[in-house]
Amino acid sequence: MAMGMGAAQAQMKPPSTTGAKPKTVTTVPVRPALQKPEDTANAMAQAERLALQSDLAWVGEYNGAITGDVSERMVNAIKEFQKSRGGKPTGVLNLQERGALADTARKRQENVGWRIVAEPATGARLGIPTKLVPQLTSDASGAKWTSPTGTIQVVLTRRKESNPTAAKLAEREKKEPAGRTVDYAVVKPDFFVLSGLQGLKKFYLRGTFRGDEVRVMTILYDQATENTVEPVVIAMSSAFNAFPSAAQAGPPPRKTVEYGTGVVVSEDGAIVTDRVTTDECIALTIPGHGSADRVAEDKEHDLALLRIYGARGLKPLDIAGNATQTALDISGIADPQNQGGGSAATSMKASVAQLGRGDAALSPPPAIGFSGGAALDGDGKFAGIALLRPVLVAGPANATPPAQAALVSADIVRDFLKANGVSTSGGSTEAKSAVVRVICVRK
């Protein structure tokens, strides 16, 4: 900000005794009162304040939420940064100081591969050091980013709780898992922070809630890595935005490109899959076989029937049997991000709450990308189709939340296919050879 000169008044020579006219008096305006640092910050654009808070967090001076709101904490962080460089702690950065701050923050971000990501299942926004934790696994209940050796982990979880408070949630997290030792705790009305030791690892945890939806980010790291991780922890905590928009009445916005799994049920190219995953697609593709058409749907049970034409070598799944066991193998193809760009068919263990006609809950939820996968019991008998659904955030607090993963029973799948003229006789009991990746592209 341009500053005025000090208060002064030009000196005027005494009037001439010779009758000459006196010179004009020039008055220099008195300098207004100094502007407060908060006023200077409030005069900035919102984007500038956000960038300033983020940079201050990256140099370890600011540990508040990055919202762009001006606060005493933000002003004090600026003063601490100025003092660290031997400058005068005015609370207002000059151009040289602002440039130095931005440069320092940028270099630290580049060193760890800093990215702000939106986690698909929750919609939460997190800052992730992708060079430290490049491996991602996720399901409908959250996500985990890990280092190749597992020494560093970032875990995002979500759950429903009746009438949560920050104090109650903090007390629960102190005790779970067993053996957690807390040496730092902050509990505010709408969030809480804990840190300490969890086994042989150090941990930092930040949690919050909205209604009955609880979201917690936990950072776990070996003590040998603390010099690398701890400078990043404050920035990660500040960047964590568990509820980045108003509570939604439905799942997060649809992806432009979405991956699911389909089950081949006939040699002539019939595939049963998830209706929601294949909604609003301008193109549907089955890698290795080309384009597919969606020819039928069951809105009640969220099933869709796809057709590919001219395909050879298809290995349909035998769906004639009825599973009798509640311990199931779910076969599918995980999202490419979950397997480093790969496309391998894999299987995961899950249990079903009940077997019979209708939909039932699966636990734990399979990985993102498995929606539409095949479920078989230990004897290789068909149990149904697994569907993934994110938990709805909005809604009455006492409402029963929908299942995060559901099983559409074998009977309902067979009835759907029969109603659409698909013959399902014969087939293989090897589910991995019968599942295909389904790619939906939207506008």
Protein backbone atom coordinates (compact mmCIF):
# COMPACT_ATOMS: atom_id res chain seq x y z
CA MET A 1 0.00 0.00 0.00
CA ALA A 2 1.47 3.43 -0.91
CA MET A 3 2.13 5.35 2.27
CA GLY A 4 1.76 9.20 2.62
CA MET A 5 4.55 11.43 3.79
CA GLY A 6 4.81 12.41 7.46
CA ALA A 7 2.71 15.36 8.75
CA ALA A 8 4.43 18.60 7.79
CA GLN A 9 3.76 22.09 6.62
CA ALA A 10 5.99 24.05 4.23
CA GLN A 11 7.83 26.94 5.89
CA MET A 12 6.62 30.36 4.87
CA LYS A 13 8.98 33.32 4.73
CA PRO A 14 8.02 36.38 6.73
CA PRO A 15 6.04 38.98 4.80
CA SER A 16 8.19 41.38 2.86
CA THR A 17 8.42 44.86 4.29
CA THR A 18 8.66 46.19 0.80
CA GLY A 19 5.01 45.52 0.13
CA ALA A 20 5.59 42.40 -2.03
CA LYS A 21 2.79 39.85 -1.95
CA PRO A 22 3.43 36.89 0.34
CA LYS A 23 4.14 33.53 -1.29
CA THR A 24 1.36 30.97 -1.47
CA VAL A 25 1.29 28.60 1.50
CA THR A 26 1.48 24.90 0.49
CA THR A 27 0.04 22.39 2.96
CA VAL A 28 1.02 18.73 2.84
CA PRO A 29 -1.91 16.52 3.90
CA VAL A 30 -1.62 14.86 7.27
CA ARG A 31 -1.00 11.09 6.88
CA PRO A 32 -4.09 9.04 7.76
CA ALA A 33 -3.93 6.45 10.56
CA LEU A 34 -1.97 3.33 9.68
CA GLN A 35 -4.12 0.56 8.17
CA LYS A 36 -4.44 -2.56 10.29
CA PRO A 37 -3.08 -5.86 8.87
CA GLU A 38 -6.60 -7.29 8.94
CA ASP A 39 -7.83 -4.42 6.77
CA THR A 40 -5.05 -5.00 4.26
CA ALA A 41 -5.88 -8.72 4.07
CA ASN A 42 -9.61 -8.05 3.70
CA ALA A 43 -8.86 -5.78 0.75
CA MET A 44 -7.35 -8.74 -1.11
CA ALA A 45 -9.34 -10.88 -3.51
CA GLN A 46 -10.60 -14.17 -2.08
CA ALA A 47 -8.27 -16.15 -4.34
CA GLU A 48 -5.28 -14.19 -3.03
CA ARG A 49 -6.22 -14.92 0.58
CA LEU A 50 -6.65 -18.61 -0.15
CA ALA A 51 -3.24 -18.76 -1.81
CA LEU A 52 -1.67 -16.85 1.08
CA GLN A 53 -3.09 -19.20 3.71
CA SER A 54 -2.01 -22.25 1.72
CA ASP A 55 1.55 -20.95 1.33
CA LEU A 56 1.76 -20.08 5.03
CA ALA A 57 0.64 -23.61 5.88
CA TRP A 58 3.34 -25.04 3.64
CA VAL A 59 6.11 -23.17 5.42
CA GLY A 60 4.76 -24.40 8.75
CA GLU A 61 3.44 -21.10 10.11
CA TYR A 62 -0.34 -21.46 9.62
CA ASN A 63 -2.39 -24.33 11.01
CA GLY A 64 -5.94 -23.16 10.47
CA ALA A 65 -8.49 -24.16 7.85
CA ILE A 66 -7.76 -22.75 4.41
CA THR A 67 -11.00 -20.82 3.84
CA GLY A 68 -9.81 -17.38 2.75
CA ASP A 69 -11.32 -15.84 5.88
CA VAL A 70 -9.12 -13.28 7.63
CA SER A 71 -8.28 -14.10 11.24
CA GLU A 72 -5.83 -13.24 13.99
CA ARG A 73 -4.22 -16.63 13.41
CA MET A 74 -3.52 -15.74 9.78
CA VAL A 75 -2.02 -12.34 10.71
CA ASN A 76 0.15 -13.96 13.39
CA ALA A 77 1.35 -16.53 10.85
CA ILE A 78 2.45 -13.72 8.55
CA LYS A 79 4.35 -12.07 11.41
CA GLU A 80 6.10 -15.34 12.29
CA PHE A 81 7.17 -15.80 8.68
CA GLN A 82 8.53 -12.25 8.60
CA LYS A 83 10.47 -12.83 11.84
CA SER A 84 11.91 -16.09 10.48
CA ARG A 85 13.46 -14.08 7.65
CA GLY A 86 14.80 -11.39 9.96
CA GLY A 87 12.17 -8.88 8.91
CA LYS A 88 9.91 -6.58 10.87
CA PRO A 89 6.72 -8.41 11.95
CA THR A 90 4.16 -6.00 10.52
CA GLY A 91 1.55 -8.61 9.57
CA VAL A 92 1.54 -7.24 6.00
CA LEU A 93 3.85 -8.81 3.42
CA ASN A 94 5.73 -6.59 1.01
CA LEU A 95 6.32 -7.77 -2.54
CA GLN A 96 9.70 -9.33 -1.78
CA GLU A 97 8.35 -11.22 1.25
CA ARG A 98 5.30 -12.47 -0.64
CA GLY A 99 7.49 -13.70 -3.47
CA ALA A 100 9.81 -15.51 -1.07
CA LEU A 101 6.85 -17.15 0.68
CA ALA A 102 5.32 -18.35 -2.59
CA ASP A 103 8.65 -19.68 -3.86
CA THR A 104 9.37 -21.61 -0.67
CA ALA A 105 5.88 -23.13 -0.60
CA ARG A 106 6.02 -24.09 -4.29
CA LYS A 107 9.34 -25.92 -3.91
CA ARG A 108 8.06 -27.90 -0.94
CA GLN A 109 4.87 -28.84 -2.78
CA GLU A 110 6.81 -30.02 -5.83
CA ASN A 111 9.11 -32.13 -3.68
CA VAL A 112 6.20 -34.24 -2.42
CA GLY A 113 3.93 -34.11 -5.49
CA TRP A 114 1.19 -32.08 -3.81
CA ARG A 115 -2.27 -32.37 -5.38
CA ILE A 116 -5.75 -31.34 -4.23
CA VAL A 117 -8.06 -34.26 -5.02
CA ALA A 118 -11.79 -34.90 -4.70
CA GLU A 119 -12.37 -38.39 -3.31
CA PRO A 120 -15.13 -39.97 -5.47
CA ALA A 121 -17.06 -41.93 -2.84
CA THR A 122 -17.40 -39.03 -0.40
CA GLY A 123 -16.87 -35.85 -2.41
CA ALA A 124 -14.39 -34.74 0.26
CA ARG A 125 -11.39 -32.67 -0.85
CA LEU A 126 -7.92 -33.56 0.39
CA GLY A 127 -4.39 -32.45 -0.22
CA ILE A 128 -2.36 -35.55 -1.10
CA PRO A 129 1.48 -35.73 -1.36
CA THR A 130 1.35 -38.08 -4.34
CA LYS A 131 5.09 -38.75 -4.43
CA LEU A 132 4.97 -40.00 -0.85
CA VAL A 133 1.74 -42.02 -1.15
CA PRO A 134 1.26 -42.93 -4.83
CA GLN A 135 -0.88 -46.05 -4.31
CA LEU A 136 -4.65 -45.62 -3.94
CA THR A 137 -7.30 -48.13 -2.96
CA SER A 138 -10.91 -47.13 -2.39
CA ASP A 139 -14.41 -48.36 -1.82
CA ALA A 140 -17.76 -46.80 -1.00
CA SER A 141 -16.69 -46.12 2.61
CA GLY A 142 -13.59 -44.08 1.80
CA ALA A 143 -10.06 -44.36 0.47
CA LYS A 144 -6.46 -45.08 1.43
CA TRP A 145 -3.29 -43.66 -0.10
CA THR A 146 -0.08 -45.53 0.79
CA SER A 147 3.65 -45.48 0.14
CA PRO A 148 5.05 -48.52 -1.75
CA THR A 149 6.34 -50.05 1.52
CA GLY A 150 3.39 -49.00 3.68
CA THR A 151 5.48 -46.75 5.92
CA ILE A 152 3.19 -43.77 5.17
CA GLN A 153 -0.59 -43.98 4.91
CA VAL A 154 -3.38 -41.46 4.44
CA VAL A 155 -6.80 -42.88 5.28
CA LEU A 156 -10.16 -41.22 4.67
CA THR A 157 -13.14 -42.89 6.34
CA ARG A 158 -16.83 -42.12 6.57
CA ARG A 159 -19.57 -43.53 8.74
CA LYS A 160 -23.01 -42.78 10.13
CA GLU A 161 -23.52 -42.01 13.82
CA SER A 162 -26.59 -40.94 15.75
CA ASN A 163 -26.33 -37.41 17.16
CA PRO A 164 -22.54 -37.06 16.94
CA THR A 165 -20.61 -34.32 18.72
CA ALA A 166 -16.95 -33.45 18.32
CA ALA A 167 -16.29 -34.37 21.96
CA LYS A 168 -17.90 -37.82 21.66
CA LEU A 169 -16.15 -38.54 18.38
CA ALA A 170 -12.78 -37.48 19.78
CA GLU A 171 -13.18 -39.78 22.80
CA ARG A 172 -14.03 -42.70 20.53
CA GLU A 173 -11.05 -42.07 18.25
CA LYS A 174 -8.71 -41.92 21.27
CA LYS A 175 -9.62 -45.52 22.07
CA GLU A 176 -9.87 -47.03 18.59
CA PRO A 177 -7.83 -48.83 17.57
CA ALA A 178 -6.61 -50.19 20.88
CA GLY A 179 -3.12 -49.10 21.85
CA ARG A 180 -3.45 -45.58 20.51
CA THR A 181 -1.67 -43.02 22.71
CA VAL A 182 -2.73 -39.39 22.33
CA ASP A 183 -0.28 -36.62 23.20
CA TYR A 184 -2.13 -33.70 21.56
CA ALA A 185 -5.85 -33.02 21.28
CA VAL A 186 -7.96 -30.08 20.13
CA VAL A 187 -11.75 -30.33 20.26
CA LYS A 188 -13.89 -27.59 18.73
CA PRO A 189 -17.68 -27.60 18.27
CA ASP A 190 -17.46 -28.73 14.64
CA PHE A 191 -14.14 -30.60 14.37
CA PHE A 192 -11.42 -32.28 16.38
CA VAL A 193 -7.71 -33.02 15.98
CA LEU A 194 -5.68 -35.76 17.67
CA SER A 195 -2.06 -36.83 17.33
CA GLY A 196 0.26 -39.27 19.05
CA LEU A 197 1.41 -42.86 18.64
CA GLN A 198 -0.46 -45.82 17.15
CA GLY A 199 1.66 -48.88 17.69
CA LEU A 200 5.05 -48.07 16.17
CA LYS A 201 3.65 -45.34 13.94
CA LYS A 202 2.96 -41.70 14.63
CA PHE A 203 -0.51 -40.53 13.72
CA TYR A 204 -2.34 -37.29 13.05
CA LEU A 205 -6.12 -37.29 12.79
CA ARG A 206 -8.67 -34.64 11.85
CA GLY A 207 -12.38 -35.36 11.94
CA THR A 208 -15.63 -33.53 11.48
CA PHE A 209 -19.31 -34.23 10.91
CA ARG A 210 -22.45 -32.91 9.29
CA GLY A 211 -25.78 -34.22 10.51
CA ASP A 212 -25.11 -37.90 11.20
CA GLU A 213 -22.31 -38.22 8.63
CA VAL A 214 -18.81 -38.47 10.17
CA ARG A 215 -15.64 -38.05 8.09
CA VAL A 216 -12.15 -38.58 9.42
CA MET A 217 -8.73 -38.18 7.79
CA THR A 218 -5.89 -40.08 9.48
CA ILE A 219 -2.20 -39.77 8.58
CA LEU A 220 -0.01 -42.66 9.77
CA TYR A 221 3.76 -42.71 9.36
CA ASP A 222 6.79 -44.55 10.68
CA GLN A 223 8.84 -42.50 13.11
CA ALA A 224 11.82 -42.82 10.76
CA THR A 225 9.90 -40.76 8.16
CA GLU A 226 8.80 -37.92 10.44
CA ASN A 227 11.30 -35.40 9.03
CA THR A 228 9.70 -35.93 5.62
CA VAL A 229 6.07 -36.21 6.67
CA GLU A 230 5.60 -33.75 9.51
CA PRO A 231 6.21 -30.61 7.40
CA VAL A 232 3.35 -31.83 5.15
CA VAL A 233 0.91 -32.71 7.93
CA ILE A 234 -0.13 -29.13 8.70
CA ALA A 235 -0.81 -28.42 5.04
CA MET A 236 -2.84 -31.64 4.74
CA SER A 237 -4.88 -30.78 7.82
CA SER A 238 -5.56 -27.26 6.58
CA ALA A 239 -6.51 -28.48 3.10
CA PHE A 240 -8.92 -31.16 4.37
CA ASN A 241 -12.45 -30.11 3.40
CA ALA A 242 -14.75 -32.93 4.45
CA PHE A 243 -17.93 -31.28 3.14
CA PRO A 244 -16.90 -28.97 0.31
CA SER A 245 -20.43 -28.06 -0.71
CA ALA A 246 -23.90 -27.99 0.76
CA ALA A 247 -25.27 -31.38 1.75
CA GLN A 248 -26.51 -33.17 -1.33
CA ALA A 249 -29.77 -35.01 -1.71
CA GLY A 250 -28.02 -37.65 -3.75
CA PRO A 251 -24.61 -39.01 -4.68
CA PRO A 252 -21.76 -36.79 -5.91
CA PRO A 253 -21.86 -35.46 -9.49
CA ARG A 254 -21.30 -38.09 -12.15
CA LYS A 255 -17.82 -38.66 -13.49
CA THR A 256 -17.00 -37.81 -17.09
CA VAL A 257 -15.42 -41.25 -17.44
CA GLU A 258 -16.65 -44.01 -15.14
CA TYR A 259 -15.46 -47.61 -14.86
CA GLY A 260 -17.59 -50.58 -13.87
CA THR A 261 -17.73 -54.34 -14.30
CA GLY A 262 -20.03 -56.42 -16.47
CA VAL A 263 -20.77 -60.15 -16.42
CA VAL A 264 -20.97 -61.99 -19.74
CA VAL A 265 -24.10 -64.17 -19.60
CA SER A 266 -24.35 -65.48 -23.19
CA GLU A 267 -22.00 -66.39 -26.03
CA ASP A 268 -23.75 -63.98 -28.39
CA GLY A 269 -22.69 -60.89 -26.42
CA ALA A 270 -25.21 -60.29 -23.60
CA ILE A 271 -23.70 -58.58 -20.55
CA VAL A 272 -25.47 -57.74 -17.29
CA THR A 273 -24.10 -54.79 -15.31
CA ASP A 274 -24.89 -51.83 -13.06
CA ARG A 275 -27.61 -49.50 -14.39
CA VAL A 276 -26.32 -46.42 -12.54
CA THR A 277 -22.75 -46.82 -13.81
CA THR A 278 -24.07 -46.94 -17.39
CA ASP A 279 -26.53 -44.04 -17.11
CA GLU A 280 -26.25 -40.94 -19.34
CA CYS A 281 -23.34 -42.36 -21.37
CA ILE A 282 -22.62 -40.94 -24.80
CA ALA A 283 -20.38 -43.97 -25.38
CA LEU A 284 -20.16 -47.41 -23.78
CA THR A 285 -17.08 -49.53 -24.41
CA ILE A 286 -16.01 -53.06 -23.51
CA PRO A 287 -12.19 -53.07 -23.89
CA GLY A 288 -11.09 -55.77 -26.31
CA HIS A 289 -14.56 -56.07 -27.82
CA GLY A 290 -15.52 -52.54 -28.88
CA SER A 291 -18.71 -50.53 -28.42
CA ALA A 292 -21.75 -51.77 -26.53
CA ASP A 293 -25.41 -50.82 -26.61
CA ARG A 294 -27.58 -50.64 -23.51
CA VAL A 295 -30.73 -52.46 -24.57
CA ALA A 296 -32.69 -52.87 -21.30
CA GLU A 297 -32.76 -51.74 -17.68
CA ASP A 298 -34.38 -52.63 -14.37
CA LYS A 299 -34.73 -49.40 -12.40
CA GLU A 300 -36.05 -51.11 -9.29
CA HIS A 301 -32.93 -53.27 -8.88
CA ASP A 302 -30.43 -51.10 -10.82
CA LEU A 303 -29.56 -53.71 -13.43
CA ALA A 304 -28.73 -52.99 -17.08
CA LEU A 305 -28.38 -55.27 -20.08
CA LEU A 306 -25.67 -54.49 -22.63
CA ARG A 307 -25.08 -56.02 -26.06
CA ILE A 308 -21.85 -56.30 -28.02
CA TYR A 309 -21.99 -57.57 -31.58
CA GLY A 310 -19.61 -59.77 -33.52
CA ALA A 311 -17.53 -60.65 -30.48
CA ARG A 312 -15.78 -64.00 -30.35
CA GLY A 313 -14.34 -66.11 -27.60
CA LEU A 314 -16.72 -64.89 -24.92
CA LYS A 315 -16.93 -67.08 -21.82
CA PRO A 316 -20.32 -66.62 -20.21
CA LEU A 317 -20.82 -67.30 -16.52
CA ASP A 318 -23.02 -70.14 -15.34
CA ILE A 319 -25.79 -68.37 -13.43
CA ALA A 320 -28.16 -71.33 -13.18
CA GLY A 321 -27.24 -72.40 -9.64
CA ASN A 322 -28.26 -70.89 -6.33
CA ALA A 323 -25.66 -70.02 -3.72
CA THR A 324 -26.23 -71.40 -0.25
CA GLN A 325 -23.30 -69.82 1.61
CA THR A 326 -23.12 -66.26 2.90
CA ALA A 327 -19.32 -65.99 2.47
CA LEU A 328 -18.83 -64.88 -1.14
CA ASP A 329 -16.14 -64.13 -3.70
CA ILE A 330 -16.86 -60.95 -5.66
CA SER A 331 -15.12 -60.92 -9.05
CA GLY A 332 -14.64 -57.68 -10.93
CA ILE A 333 -12.18 -55.23 -12.47
CA ALA A 334 -11.11 -52.39 -10.20
CA ASP A 335 -10.88 -48.79 -11.39
CA PRO A 336 -7.55 -48.24 -13.25
CA GLN A 337 -6.48 -45.75 -10.57
CA ASN A 338 -6.70 -48.55 -8.01
CA GLN A 339 -4.36 -50.82 -9.93
CA GLY A 340 -1.82 -48.46 -11.45
CA GLY A 341 -3.58 -48.23 -14.81
CA GLY A 342 -4.05 -52.00 -15.07
CA SER A 343 -7.14 -53.94 -16.09
CA ALA A 344 -6.80 -57.28 -14.32
CA ALA A 345 -9.85 -59.15 -13.10
CA THR A 346 -9.55 -59.91 -9.41
CA SER A 347 -11.75 -61.20 -6.62
CA MET A 348 -12.47 -59.99 -3.10
CA LYS A 349 -14.04 -61.64 -0.09
CA ALA A 350 -17.34 -60.32 1.25
CA SER A 351 -20.22 -61.56 3.32
CA VAL A 352 -23.90 -61.07 2.61
CA ALA A 353 -26.48 -60.36 5.28
CA GLN A 354 -28.96 -62.81 3.81
CA LEU A 355 -29.41 -65.07 0.84
CA GLY A 356 -32.74 -65.17 -0.93
CA ARG A 357 -34.84 -63.16 -3.30
CA GLY A 358 -34.25 -59.41 -3.27
CA ASP A 359 -31.35 -57.14 -2.45
CA ALA A 360 -29.06 -57.62 0.54
CA ALA A 361 -26.12 -55.73 2.03
CA LEU A 362 -22.53 -56.76 1.31
CA SER A 363 -19.69 -56.20 3.75
CA PRO A 364 -17.03 -54.98 3.31
CA PRO A 365 -17.77 -53.00 0.12
CA PRO A 366 -15.67 -54.10 -2.89
CA ALA A 367 -13.29 -51.69 -4.59
CA ILE A 368 -14.40 -48.83 -6.84
CA GLY A 369 -14.89 -50.28 -10.33
CA PHE A 370 -16.36 -53.57 -9.05
CA SER A 371 -19.96 -52.39 -9.36
CA GLY A 372 -21.67 -54.91 -11.63
CA GLY A 373 -19.32 -57.73 -10.60
CA ALA A 374 -20.25 -61.39 -10.11
CA ALA A 375 -20.76 -62.94 -6.66
CA LEU A 376 -20.22 -66.68 -6.18
CA ASP A 377 -20.17 -68.77 -3.03
CA GLY A 378 -17.42 -71.20 -2.01
CA ASP A 379 -18.92 -73.96 -4.17
CA GLY A 380 -18.86 -71.77 -7.28
CA LYS A 381 -22.64 -71.23 -7.29
CA PHE A 382 -24.00 -67.90 -8.50
CA ALA A 383 -25.21 -65.58 -5.73
CA GLY A 384 -25.98 -62.45 -7.74
CA ILE A 385 -24.57 -59.11 -8.94
CA ALA A 386 -22.69 -56.75 -6.60
CA LEU A 387 -23.54 -53.05 -6.79
CA LEU A 388 -21.69 -50.16 -5.12
CA ARG A 389 -23.52 -47.09 -3.88
CA PRO A 390 -22.11 -44.12 -1.95
CA VAL A 391 -23.92 -43.30 1.29
CA LEU A 392 -26.21 -40.29 0.96
CA VAL A 393 -25.10 -37.36 3.11
CA ALA A 394 -28.43 -35.56 3.31
CA GLY A 395 -31.64 -36.85 4.80
CA PRO A 396 -33.29 -37.22 8.20
CA ALA A 397 -30.83 -38.06 10.95
CA ASN A 398 -32.93 -41.02 12.06
CA ALA A 399 -33.35 -42.46 8.57
CA THR A 400 -31.84 -45.85 7.78
CA PRO A 401 -28.93 -45.20 5.39
CA PRO A 402 -28.79 -47.20 2.17
CA ALA A 403 -26.30 -50.05 1.94
CA GLN A 404 -22.90 -49.01 0.63
CA ALA A 405 -22.70 -52.29 -1.28
CA ALA A 406 -25.68 -54.42 -2.22
CA LEU A 407 -26.17 -57.85 -3.76
CA VAL A 408 -28.94 -58.27 -6.33
CA SER A 409 -29.98 -61.89 -5.95
CA ALA A 410 -29.48 -64.60 -8.56
CA ASP A 411 -33.25 -65.04 -8.99
CA ILE A 412 -33.77 -61.36 -9.81
CA VAL A 413 -30.87 -61.38 -12.28
CA ARG A 414 -32.26 -64.46 -14.06
CA ASP A 415 -35.77 -63.00 -14.21
CA PHE A 416 -34.41 -59.77 -15.70
CA LEU A 417 -32.48 -61.63 -18.38
CA LYS A 418 -35.38 -63.96 -19.18
CA ALA A 419 -37.74 -61.00 -19.58
CA ASN A 420 -35.36 -59.60 -22.18
CA GLY A 421 -34.97 -62.82 -24.17
CA VAL A 422 -31.50 -63.81 -22.97
CA SER A 423 -30.83 -67.54 -22.82
CA THR A 424 -28.45 -68.34 -19.97
CA SER A 425 -28.02 -72.10 -20.24
CA GLY A 426 -24.54 -73.48 -19.70
CA GLY A 427 -21.49 -71.40 -19.03
CA SER A 428 -18.41 -71.46 -16.83
CA THR A 429 -18.09 -71.34 -13.06
CA GLU A 430 -14.85 -69.34 -13.41
CA ALA A 431 -16.04 -65.80 -12.72
CA LYS A 432 -12.77 -64.00 -13.51
CA SER A 433 -12.92 -65.17 -17.13
CA ALA A 434 -16.54 -64.02 -17.46
CA VAL A 435 -16.21 -60.47 -16.17
CA VAL A 436 -15.34 -57.53 -18.44
CA ARG A 437 -14.57 -53.87 -17.83
CA VAL A 438 -17.34 -51.44 -18.76
CA ILE A 439 -16.31 -47.85 -19.61
CA CYS A 440 -18.92 -45.10 -19.69
CA VAL A 441 -18.08 -41.72 -21.23
CA ARG A 442 -20.34 -38.76 -20.43
CA LYS A 443 -20.45 -35.18 -21.59
